[in-house]
């Protein structure tokens, strides 16, 4: 007997700012030098928060955001910066 399954979508489980911060921290720790993975992680957070609203706040089209944050795109830093600001995500520097 087959057990029905469906693909996991992290965006469905990111409801609070703390959950989003923990998710992004985990992604940053896992990513290494994979900048596309970080763009993908921001895309997951963007979907959790609402891509239409994010498009309005950034001035970018939904299609452009989906493409840039898919993990297959190659977004410019300016796009990443706009997305982070619109999502309320701040970068912090610390000496390693």
PDB file of N, CA and C in Angstrom:
ATOM      1  N   UNK A   1       0.834  -1.179   0.000  1.00  0.00           N
ATOM      2  CA  UNK A   1       0.000   0.000   0.000  1.00  0.00           C
ATOM      3  C   UNK A   1       0.882   1.248   0.000  1.00  0.00           C
ATOM      4  N   UNK A   2       0.615   2.131  -0.939  1.00  0.00           N
ATOM      5  CA  UNK A   2       1.394   3.359  -1.033  1.00  0.00           C
ATOM      6  C   UNK A   2       0.867   4.393  -0.056  1.00  0.00           C
ATOM      7  N   UNK A   3       1.807   5.116   0.534  1.00  0.00           N
ATOM      8  CA  UNK A   3       1.455   6.212   1.426  1.00  0.00           C
ATOM      9  C   UNK A   3       1.474   7.493   0.605  1.00  0.00           C
ATOM     10  N   UNK A   4       0.386   8.240   0.587  1.00  0.00           N
ATOM     11  CA  UNK A   4       0.389   9.476  -0.200  1.00  0.00           C
ATOM     12  C   UNK A   4       1.343  10.509   0.421  1.00  0.00           C
ATOM     13  N   UNK A   5       2.104  11.135  -0.428  1.00  0.00           N
ATOM     14  CA  UNK A   5       3.044  12.174   0.014  1.00  0.00           C
ATOM     15  C   UNK A   5       2.894  13.398  -0.871  1.00  0.00           C
ATOM     16  N   UNK A   6       3.479  14.483  -0.412  1.00  0.00           N
ATOM     17  CA  UNK A   6       3.535  15.694  -1.234  1.00  0.00           C
ATOM     18  C   UNK A   6       4.856  16.382  -0.945  1.00  0.00           C
ATOM     19  N   UNK A   7       5.342  17.186  -1.862  1.00  0.00           N
ATOM     20  CA  UNK A   7       6.626  17.858  -1.643  1.00  0.00           C
ATOM     21  C   UNK A   7       6.576  18.783  -0.427  1.00  0.00           C
ATOM     22  N   UNK A   8       7.670  18.845   0.295  1.00  0.00           N
ATOM     23  CA  UNK A   8       7.795  19.726   1.449  1.00  0.00           C
ATOM     24  C   UNK A   8       7.989  21.158   0.964  1.00  0.00           C
ATOM     25  N   UNK A   9       7.271  22.078   1.555  1.00  0.00           N
ATOM     26  CA  UNK A   9       7.424  23.499   1.237  1.00  0.00           C
ATOM     27  C   UNK A   9       7.649  24.255   2.534  1.00  0.00           C
ATOM     28  N   UNK A  10       8.893  24.648   2.762  1.00  0.00           N
ATOM     29  CA  UNK A  10       9.247  25.352   3.999  1.00  0.00           C
ATOM     30  C   UNK A  10       8.440  26.624   4.194  1.00  0.00           C
ATOM     31  N   UNK A  11       8.039  27.263   3.112  1.00  0.00           N
ATOM     32  CA  UNK A  11       7.288  28.526   3.214  1.00  0.00           C
ATOM     33  C   UNK A  11       5.990  28.349   3.993  1.00  0.00           C
ATOM     34  N   UNK A  12       5.409  27.161   3.925  1.00  0.00           N
ATOM     35  CA  UNK A  12       4.152  26.900   4.637  1.00  0.00           C
ATOM     36  C   UNK A  12       4.333  26.870   6.149  1.00  0.00           C
ATOM     37  N   UNK A  13       5.581  26.789   6.617  1.00  0.00           N
ATOM     38  CA  UNK A  13       5.859  26.622   8.042  1.00  0.00           C
ATOM     39  C   UNK A  13       6.568  27.818   8.658  1.00  0.00           C
ATOM     40  N   UNK A  14       6.740  28.879   7.890  1.00  0.00           N
ATOM     41  CA  UNK A  14       7.397  30.090   8.392  1.00  0.00           C
ATOM     42  C   UNK A  14       6.333  31.130   8.701  1.00  0.00           C
ATOM     43  N   UNK A  15       5.932  31.198   9.952  1.00  0.00           N
ATOM     44  CA  UNK A  15       4.826  32.075  10.319  1.00  0.00           C
ATOM     45  C   UNK A  15       5.263  33.295  11.117  1.00  0.00           C
ATOM     46  N   UNK A  16       6.316  33.176  11.891  1.00  0.00           N
ATOM     47  CA  UNK A  16       6.732  34.277  12.764  1.00  0.00           C
ATOM     48  C   UNK A  16       8.117  34.774  12.360  1.00  0.00           C
ATOM     49  N   UNK A  17       8.439  35.948  12.841  1.00  0.00           N
ATOM     50  CA  UNK A  17       9.767  36.491  12.596  1.00  0.00           C
ATOM     51  C   UNK A  17      10.863  35.602  13.165  1.00  0.00           C
ATOM     52  N   UNK A  18      10.602  34.983  14.300  1.00  0.00           N
ATOM     53  CA  UNK A  18      11.595  34.090  14.912  1.00  0.00           C
ATOM     54  C   UNK A  18      11.810  32.837  14.064  1.00  0.00           C
ATOM     55  N   UNK A  19      10.730  32.304  13.499  1.00  0.00           N
ATOM     56  CA  UNK A  19      10.870  31.131  12.634  1.00  0.00           C
ATOM     57  C   UNK A  19      11.645  31.482  11.371  1.00  0.00           C
ATOM     58  N   UNK A  20      11.367  32.658  10.823  1.00  0.00           N
ATOM     59  CA  UNK A  20      12.076  33.107   9.622  1.00  0.00           C
ATOM     60  C   UNK A  20      13.555  33.309   9.924  1.00  0.00           C
ATOM     61  N   UNK A  21      13.867  33.947  11.055  1.00  0.00           N
ATOM     62  CA  UNK A  21      15.266  34.174  11.430  1.00  0.00           C
ATOM     63  C   UNK A  21      15.994  32.846  11.630  1.00  0.00           C
ATOM     64  N   UNK A  22      15.361  31.891  12.295  1.00  0.00           N
ATOM     65  CA  UNK A  22      15.986  30.581  12.515  1.00  0.00           C
ATOM     66  C   UNK A  22      16.212  29.866  11.184  1.00  0.00           C
ATOM     67  N   UNK A  23      15.235  29.948  10.286  1.00  0.00           N
ATOM     68  CA  UNK A  23      15.363  29.327   8.968  1.00  0.00           C
ATOM     69  C   UNK A  23      16.538  29.939   8.199  1.00  0.00           C
ATOM     70  N   UNK A  24      16.607  31.266   8.166  1.00  0.00           N
ATOM     71  CA  UNK A  24      17.692  31.921   7.429  1.00  0.00           C
ATOM     72  C   UNK A  24      19.050  31.640   8.070  1.00  0.00           C
ATOM     73  N   UNK A  25      19.124  31.617   9.406  1.00  0.00           N
ATOM     74  CA  UNK A  25      20.386  31.270  10.073  1.00  0.00           C
ATOM     75  C   UNK A  25      20.842  29.877   9.666  1.00  0.00           C
ATOM     76  N   UNK A  26      19.910  28.923   9.638  1.00  0.00           N
ATOM     77  CA  UNK A  26      20.250  27.558   9.242  1.00  0.00           C
ATOM     78  C   UNK A  26      20.712  27.511   7.788  1.00  0.00           C
ATOM     79  N   UNK A  27      20.039  28.250   6.928  1.00  0.00           N
ATOM     80  CA  UNK A  27      20.420  28.283   5.508  1.00  0.00           C
ATOM     81  C   UNK A  27      21.797  28.912   5.323  1.00  0.00           C
ATOM     82  N   UNK A  28      22.068  29.988   6.046  1.00  0.00           N
ATOM     83  CA  UNK A  28      23.381  30.631   5.949  1.00  0.00           C
ATOM     84  C   UNK A  28      24.483  29.683   6.418  1.00  0.00           C
ATOM     85  N   UNK A  29      24.224  28.930   7.477  1.00  0.00           N
ATOM     86  CA  UNK A  29      25.214  27.987   7.987  1.00  0.00           C
ATOM     87  C   UNK A  29      25.452  26.844   6.997  1.00  0.00           C
ATOM     88  N   UNK A  30      24.413  26.434   6.297  1.00  0.00           N
ATOM     89  CA  UNK A  30      24.489  25.301   5.376  1.00  0.00           C
ATOM     90  C   UNK A  30      25.034  25.688   4.000  1.00  0.00           C
ATOM     91  N   UNK A  31      24.872  26.941   3.602  1.00  0.00           N
ATOM     92  CA  UNK A  31      25.124  27.361   2.226  1.00  0.00           C
ATOM     93  C   UNK A  31      26.584  27.302   1.800  1.00  0.00           C
ATOM     94  N   UNK A  32      27.499  27.539   2.709  1.00  0.00           N
ATOM     95  CA  UNK A  32      28.898  27.624   2.301  1.00  0.00           C
ATOM     96  C   UNK A  32      29.068  28.754   1.302  1.00  0.00           C
ATOM     97  N   UNK A  33      29.598  28.458   0.134  1.00  0.00           N
ATOM     98  CA  UNK A  33      29.806  29.463  -0.911  1.00  0.00           C
ATOM     99  C   UNK A  33      28.686  29.480  -1.943  1.00  0.00           C
ATOM    100  N   UNK A  34      27.596  28.807  -1.677  1.00  0.00           N
ATOM    101  CA  UNK A  34      26.501  28.693  -2.639  1.00  0.00           C
ATOM    102  C   UNK A  34      25.549  29.884  -2.531  1.00  0.00           C
ATOM    103  N   UNK A  35      25.847  30.939  -3.274  1.00  0.00           N
ATOM    104  CA  UNK A  35      25.024  32.153  -3.211  1.00  0.00           C
ATOM    105  C   UNK A  35      23.612  31.916  -3.744  1.00  0.00           C
ATOM    106  N   UNK A  36      23.446  30.974  -4.648  1.00  0.00           N
ATOM    107  CA  UNK A  36      22.110  30.681  -5.179  1.00  0.00           C
ATOM    108  C   UNK A  36      21.217  30.048  -4.110  1.00  0.00           C
ATOM    109  N   UNK A  37      21.823  29.302  -3.200  1.00  0.00           N
ATOM    110  CA  UNK A  37      21.059  28.720  -2.106  1.00  0.00           C
ATOM    111  C   UNK A  37      20.495  29.821  -1.207  1.00  0.00           C
ATOM    112  N   UNK A  38      21.281  30.862  -0.975  1.00  0.00           N
ATOM    113  CA  UNK A  38      20.809  31.981  -0.158  1.00  0.00           C
ATOM    114  C   UNK A  38      19.689  32.714  -0.883  1.00  0.00           C
ATOM    115  N   UNK A  39      19.823  32.924  -2.182  1.00  0.00           N
ATOM    116  CA  UNK A  39      18.747  33.551  -2.953  1.00  0.00           C
ATOM    117  C   UNK A  39      17.481  32.703  -2.872  1.00  0.00           C
ATOM    118  N   UNK A  40      17.640  31.383  -2.957  1.00  0.00           N
ATOM    119  CA  UNK A  40      16.493  30.478  -2.840  1.00  0.00           C
ATOM    120  C   UNK A  40      15.841  30.601  -1.457  1.00  0.00           C
ATOM    121  N   UNK A  41      16.660  30.646  -0.420  1.00  0.00           N
ATOM    122  CA  UNK A  41      16.134  30.775   0.948  1.00  0.00           C
ATOM    123  C   UNK A  41      15.351  32.074   1.101  1.00  0.00           C
ATOM    124  N   UNK A  42      15.850  33.158   0.534  1.00  0.00           N
ATOM    125  CA  UNK A  42      15.099  34.419   0.564  1.00  0.00           C
ATOM    126  C   UNK A  42      13.790  34.282  -0.211  1.00  0.00           C
ATOM    127  N   UNK A  43      13.814  33.504  -1.284  1.00  0.00           N
ATOM    128  CA  UNK A  43      12.589  33.251  -2.048  1.00  0.00           C
ATOM    129  C   UNK A  43      11.557  32.493  -1.226  1.00  0.00           C
ATOM    130  N   UNK A  44      12.013  31.553  -0.418  1.00  0.00           N
ATOM    131  CA  UNK A  44      11.097  30.808   0.463  1.00  0.00           C
ATOM    132  C   UNK A  44      10.457  31.769   1.456  1.00  0.00           C
ATOM    133  N   UNK A  45      11.267  32.629   2.054  1.00  0.00           N
ATOM    134  CA  UNK A  45      10.745  33.612   3.010  1.00  0.00           C
ATOM    135  C   UNK A  45       9.791  34.571   2.303  1.00  0.00           C
ATOM    136  N   UNK A  46      10.142  34.974   1.094  1.00  0.00           N
ATOM    137  CA  UNK A  46       9.281  35.881   0.327  1.00  0.00           C
ATOM    138  C   UNK A  46       7.920  35.239   0.061  1.00  0.00           C
ATOM    139  N   UNK A  47       7.916  33.962  -0.301  1.00  0.00           N
ATOM    140  CA  UNK A  47       6.645  33.266  -0.527  1.00  0.00           C
ATOM    141  C   UNK A  47       5.847  33.144   0.757  1.00  0.00           C
ATOM    142  N   UNK A  48       6.541  32.933   1.867  1.00  0.00           N
ATOM    143  CA  UNK A  48       5.849  32.831   3.158  1.00  0.00           C
ATOM    144  C   UNK A  48       5.177  34.144   3.531  1.00  0.00           C
ATOM    145  N   UNK A  49       5.821  35.248   3.193  1.00  0.00           N
ATOM    146  CA  UNK A  49       5.293  36.569   3.536  1.00  0.00           C
ATOM    147  C   UNK A  49       4.302  37.105   2.505  1.00  0.00           C
ATOM    148  N   UNK A  50       4.398  36.622   1.277  1.00  0.00           N
ATOM    149  CA  UNK A  50       3.490  37.072   0.222  1.00  0.00           C
ATOM    150  C   UNK A  50       4.235  37.791  -0.888  1.00  0.00           C
ATOM    151  N   UNK A  51       4.345  37.137  -2.019  1.00  0.00           N
ATOM    152  CA  UNK A  51       5.127  37.663  -3.136  1.00  0.00           C
ATOM    153  C   UNK A  51       4.495  38.909  -3.750  1.00  0.00           C
ATOM    154  N   UNK A  52       3.176  38.982  -3.766  1.00  0.00           N
ATOM    155  CA  UNK A  52       2.511  40.146  -4.357  1.00  0.00           C
ATOM    156  C   UNK A  52       2.835  41.412  -3.569  1.00  0.00           C
ATOM    157  N   UNK A  53       2.739  41.325  -2.254  1.00  0.00           N
ATOM    158  CA  UNK A  53       3.052  42.478  -1.406  1.00  0.00           C
ATOM    159  C   UNK A  53       4.523  42.850  -1.532  1.00  0.00           C
ATOM    160  N   UNK A  54       5.382  41.854  -1.585  1.00  0.00           N
ATOM    161  CA  UNK A  54       6.817  42.105  -1.732  1.00  0.00           C
ATOM    162  C   UNK A  54       7.104  42.813  -3.056  1.00  0.00           C
ATOM    163  N   UNK A  55       6.419  42.406  -4.112  1.00  0.00           N
ATOM    164  CA  UNK A  55       6.603  43.056  -5.411  1.00  0.00           C
ATOM    165  C   UNK A  55       6.232  44.537  -5.311  1.00  0.00           C
ATOM    166  N   UNK A  56       5.131  44.827  -4.641  1.00  0.00           N
ATOM    167  CA  UNK A  56       4.731  46.233  -4.464  1.00  0.00           C
ATOM    168  C   UNK A  56       5.785  47.018  -3.697  1.00  0.00           C
ATOM    169  N   UNK A  57       6.292  46.438  -2.627  1.00  0.00           N
ATOM    170  CA  UNK A  57       7.240  47.142  -1.758  1.00  0.00           C
ATOM    171  C   UNK A  57       8.603  47.346  -2.395  1.00  0.00           C
ATOM    172  N   UNK A  58       9.004  46.426  -3.268  1.00  0.00           N
ATOM    173  CA  UNK A  58      10.318  46.533  -3.893  1.00  0.00           C
ATOM    174  C   UNK A  58      10.282  47.248  -5.236  1.00  0.00           C
ATOM    175  N   UNK A  59       9.094  47.332  -5.842  1.00  0.00           N
ATOM    176  CA  UNK A  59       8.995  47.912  -7.171  1.00  0.00           C
ATOM    177  C   UNK A  59       9.408  46.946  -8.271  1.00  0.00           C
ATOM    178  N   UNK A  60       9.565  45.680  -7.931  1.00  0.00           N
ATOM    179  CA  UNK A  60       9.920  44.654  -8.908  1.00  0.00           C
ATOM    180  C   UNK A  60       8.682  43.826  -9.230  1.00  0.00           C
ATOM    181  N   UNK A  61       8.649  43.218 -10.388  1.00  0.00           N
ATOM    182  CA  UNK A  61       7.498  42.396 -10.749  1.00  0.00           C
ATOM    183  C   UNK A  61       7.553  41.061 -10.002  1.00  0.00           C
ATOM    184  N   UNK A  62       6.393  40.463  -9.810  1.00  0.00           N
ATOM    185  CA  UNK A  62       6.331  39.149  -9.169  1.00  0.00           C
ATOM    186  C   UNK A  62       7.144  38.136  -9.960  1.00  0.00           C
ATOM    187  N   UNK A  63       7.005  38.188 -11.281  1.00  0.00           N
ATOM    188  CA  UNK A  63       7.721  37.240 -12.127  1.00  0.00           C
ATOM    189  C   UNK A  63       9.229  37.382 -11.966  1.00  0.00           C
ATOM    190  N   UNK A  64       9.689  38.621 -11.901  1.00  0.00           N
ATOM    191  CA  UNK A  64      11.109  38.873 -11.710  1.00  0.00           C
ATOM    192  C   UNK A  64      11.588  38.355 -10.353  1.00  0.00           C
ATOM    193  N   UNK A  65      10.773  38.562  -9.329  1.00  0.00           N
ATOM    194  CA  UNK A  65      11.130  38.068  -8.000  1.00  0.00           C
ATOM    195  C   UNK A  65      11.181  36.539  -7.977  1.00  0.00           C
ATOM    196  N   UNK A  66      10.159  35.891  -8.532  1.00  0.00           N
ATOM    197  CA  UNK A  66      10.162  34.429  -8.571  1.00  0.00           C
ATOM    198  C   UNK A  66      11.396  33.909  -9.299  1.00  0.00           C
ATOM    199  N   UNK A  67      11.720  34.520 -10.416  1.00  0.00           N
ATOM    200  CA  UNK A  67      12.870  34.078 -11.213  1.00  0.00           C
ATOM    201  C   UNK A  67      14.182  34.320 -10.456  1.00  0.00           C
ATOM    202  N   UNK A  68      14.329  35.518  -9.891  1.00  0.00           N
ATOM    203  CA  UNK A  68      15.569  35.868  -9.194  1.00  0.00           C
ATOM    204  C   UNK A  68      15.796  35.019  -7.954  1.00  0.00           C
ATOM    205  N   UNK A  69      14.711  34.698  -7.242  1.00  0.00           N
ATOM    206  CA  UNK A  69      14.830  34.010  -5.958  1.00  0.00           C
ATOM    207  C   UNK A  69      14.531  32.512  -6.062  1.00  0.00           C
ATOM    208  N   UNK A  70      14.631  31.969  -7.256  1.00  0.00           N
ATOM    209  CA  UNK A  70      14.300  30.559  -7.471  1.00  0.00           C
ATOM    210  C   UNK A  70      15.441  29.617  -7.109  1.00  0.00           C
ATOM    211  N   UNK A  71      16.631  30.139  -7.002  1.00  0.00           N
ATOM    212  CA  UNK A  71      17.792  29.274  -6.838  1.00  0.00           C
ATOM    213  C   UNK A  71      18.446  28.980  -8.173  1.00  0.00           C
ATOM    214  N   UNK A  72      17.714  29.226  -9.250  1.00  0.00           N
ATOM    215  CA  UNK A  72      18.251  29.061 -10.599  1.00  0.00           C
ATOM    216  C   UNK A  72      18.640  30.411 -11.189  1.00  0.00           C
ATOM    217  N   UNK A  73      18.071  31.478 -10.655  1.00  0.00           N
ATOM    218  CA  UNK A  73      18.370  32.819 -11.139  1.00  0.00           C
ATOM    219  C   UNK A  73      19.715  33.301 -10.631  1.00  0.00           C
ATOM    220  N   UNK A  74      20.102  34.470 -11.067  1.00  0.00           N
ATOM    221  CA  UNK A  74      21.351  35.072 -10.621  1.00  0.00           C
ATOM    222  C   UNK A  74      21.072  36.541 -10.303  1.00  0.00           C
ATOM    223  N   UNK A  75      20.401  36.805  -9.174  1.00  0.00           N
ATOM    224  CA  UNK A  75      19.984  38.171  -8.879  1.00  0.00           C
ATOM    225  C   UNK A  75      21.165  39.088  -8.573  1.00  0.00           C
ATOM    226  N   UNK A  76      20.996  40.339  -8.924  1.00  0.00           N
ATOM    227  CA  UNK A  76      21.992  41.338  -8.553  1.00  0.00           C
ATOM    228  C   UNK A  76      21.872  41.603  -7.065  1.00  0.00           C
ATOM    229  N   UNK A  77      22.947  42.108  -6.477  1.00  0.00           N
ATOM    230  CA  UNK A  77      22.909  42.392  -5.043  1.00  0.00           C
ATOM    231  C   UNK A  77      21.836  43.428  -4.728  1.00  0.00           C
ATOM    232  N   UNK A  78      21.622  44.359  -5.633  1.00  0.00           N
ATOM    233  CA  UNK A  78      20.581  45.367  -5.425  1.00  0.00           C
ATOM    234  C   UNK A  78      19.208  44.740  -5.248  1.00  0.00           C
ATOM    235  N   UNK A  79      18.931  43.683  -5.984  1.00  0.00           N
ATOM    236  CA  UNK A  79      17.656  42.979  -5.841  1.00  0.00           C
ATOM    237  C   UNK A  79      17.577  42.299  -4.485  1.00  0.00           C
ATOM    238  N   UNK A  80      18.644  41.617  -4.098  1.00  0.00           N
ATOM    239  CA  UNK A  80      18.692  40.953  -2.790  1.00  0.00           C
ATOM    240  C   UNK A  80      18.501  41.983  -1.682  1.00  0.00           C
ATOM    241  N   UNK A  81      19.155  43.112  -1.808  1.00  0.00           N
ATOM    242  CA  UNK A  81      19.070  44.167  -0.789  1.00  0.00           C
ATOM    243  C   UNK A  81      17.644  44.700  -0.672  1.00  0.00           C
ATOM    244  N   UNK A  82      16.996  44.964  -1.801  1.00  0.00           N
ATOM    245  CA  UNK A  82      15.603  45.435  -1.780  1.00  0.00           C
ATOM    246  C   UNK A  82      14.688  44.422  -1.115  1.00  0.00           C
ATOM    247  N   UNK A  83      14.873  43.152  -1.446  1.00  0.00           N
ATOM    248  CA  UNK A  83      14.049  42.090  -0.872  1.00  0.00           C
ATOM    249  C   UNK A  83      14.263  42.010   0.634  1.00  0.00           C
ATOM    250  N   UNK A  84      15.504  42.036   1.058  1.00  0.00           N
ATOM    251  CA  UNK A  84      15.792  41.951   2.489  1.00  0.00           C
ATOM    252  C   UNK A  84      15.179  43.118   3.249  1.00  0.00           C
ATOM    253  N   UNK A  85      15.321  44.311   2.707  1.00  0.00           N
ATOM    254  CA  UNK A  85      14.752  45.484   3.378  1.00  0.00           C
ATOM    255  C   UNK A  85      13.236  45.390   3.456  1.00  0.00           C
ATOM    256  N   UNK A  86      12.608  44.968   2.370  1.00  0.00           N
ATOM    257  CA  UNK A  86      11.152  44.855   2.348  1.00  0.00           C
ATOM    258  C   UNK A  86      10.658  43.783   3.316  1.00  0.00           C
ATOM    259  N   UNK A  87      11.455  42.737   3.516  1.00  0.00           N
ATOM    260  CA  UNK A  87      11.080  41.667   4.430  1.00  0.00           C
ATOM    261  C   UNK A  87      11.451  41.986   5.881  1.00  0.00           C
ATOM    262  N   UNK A  88      12.157  43.095   6.082  1.00  0.00           N
ATOM    263  CA  UNK A  88      12.576  43.456   7.436  1.00  0.00           C
ATOM    264  C   UNK A  88      13.753  42.643   7.941  1.00  0.00           C
ATOM    265  N   UNK A  89      14.550  42.116   7.026  1.00  0.00           N
ATOM    266  CA  UNK A  89      15.720  41.319   7.395  1.00  0.00           C
ATOM    267  C   UNK A  89      16.933  42.234   7.432  1.00  0.00           C
ATOM    268  N   UNK A  90      17.666  42.168   8.530  1.00  0.00           N
ATOM    269  CA  UNK A  90      18.855  43.001   8.677  1.00  0.00           C
ATOM    270  C   UNK A  90      20.100  42.116   8.741  1.00  0.00           C
ATOM    271  N   UNK A  91      21.176  42.599   8.141  1.00  0.00           N
ATOM    272  CA  UNK A  91      22.465  41.912   8.231  1.00  0.00           C
ATOM    273  C   UNK A  91      23.215  42.413   9.448  1.00  0.00           C
ATOM    274  N   UNK A  92      23.921  41.510  10.092  1.00  0.00           N
ATOM    275  CA  UNK A  92      24.758  41.870  11.240  1.00  0.00           C
ATOM    276  C   UNK A  92      26.144  41.332  10.990  1.00  0.00           C
ATOM    277  N   UNK A  93      27.129  42.133  11.294  1.00  0.00           N
ATOM    278  CA  UNK A  93      28.524  41.697  11.142  1.00  0.00           C
ATOM    279  C   UNK A  93      29.072  41.296  12.503  1.00  0.00           C
ATOM    280  N   UNK A  94      29.889  40.248  12.481  1.00  0.00           N
ATOM    281  CA  UNK A  94      30.598  39.845  13.693  1.00  0.00           C
ATOM    282  C   UNK A  94      31.942  39.275  13.277  1.00  0.00           C
ATOM    283  N   UNK A  95      32.924  39.457  14.118  1.00  0.00           N
ATOM    284  CA  UNK A  95      34.251  38.925  13.827  1.00  0.00           C
ATOM    285  C   UNK A  95      34.235  37.437  14.072  1.00  0.00           C
ATOM    286  N   UNK A  96      34.797  36.707  13.127  1.00  0.00           N
ATOM    287  CA  UNK A  96      34.788  35.243  13.225  1.00  0.00           C
ATOM    288  C   UNK A  96      36.046  34.757  13.776  1.00  0.00           C
TER     289      UNK A  96
END
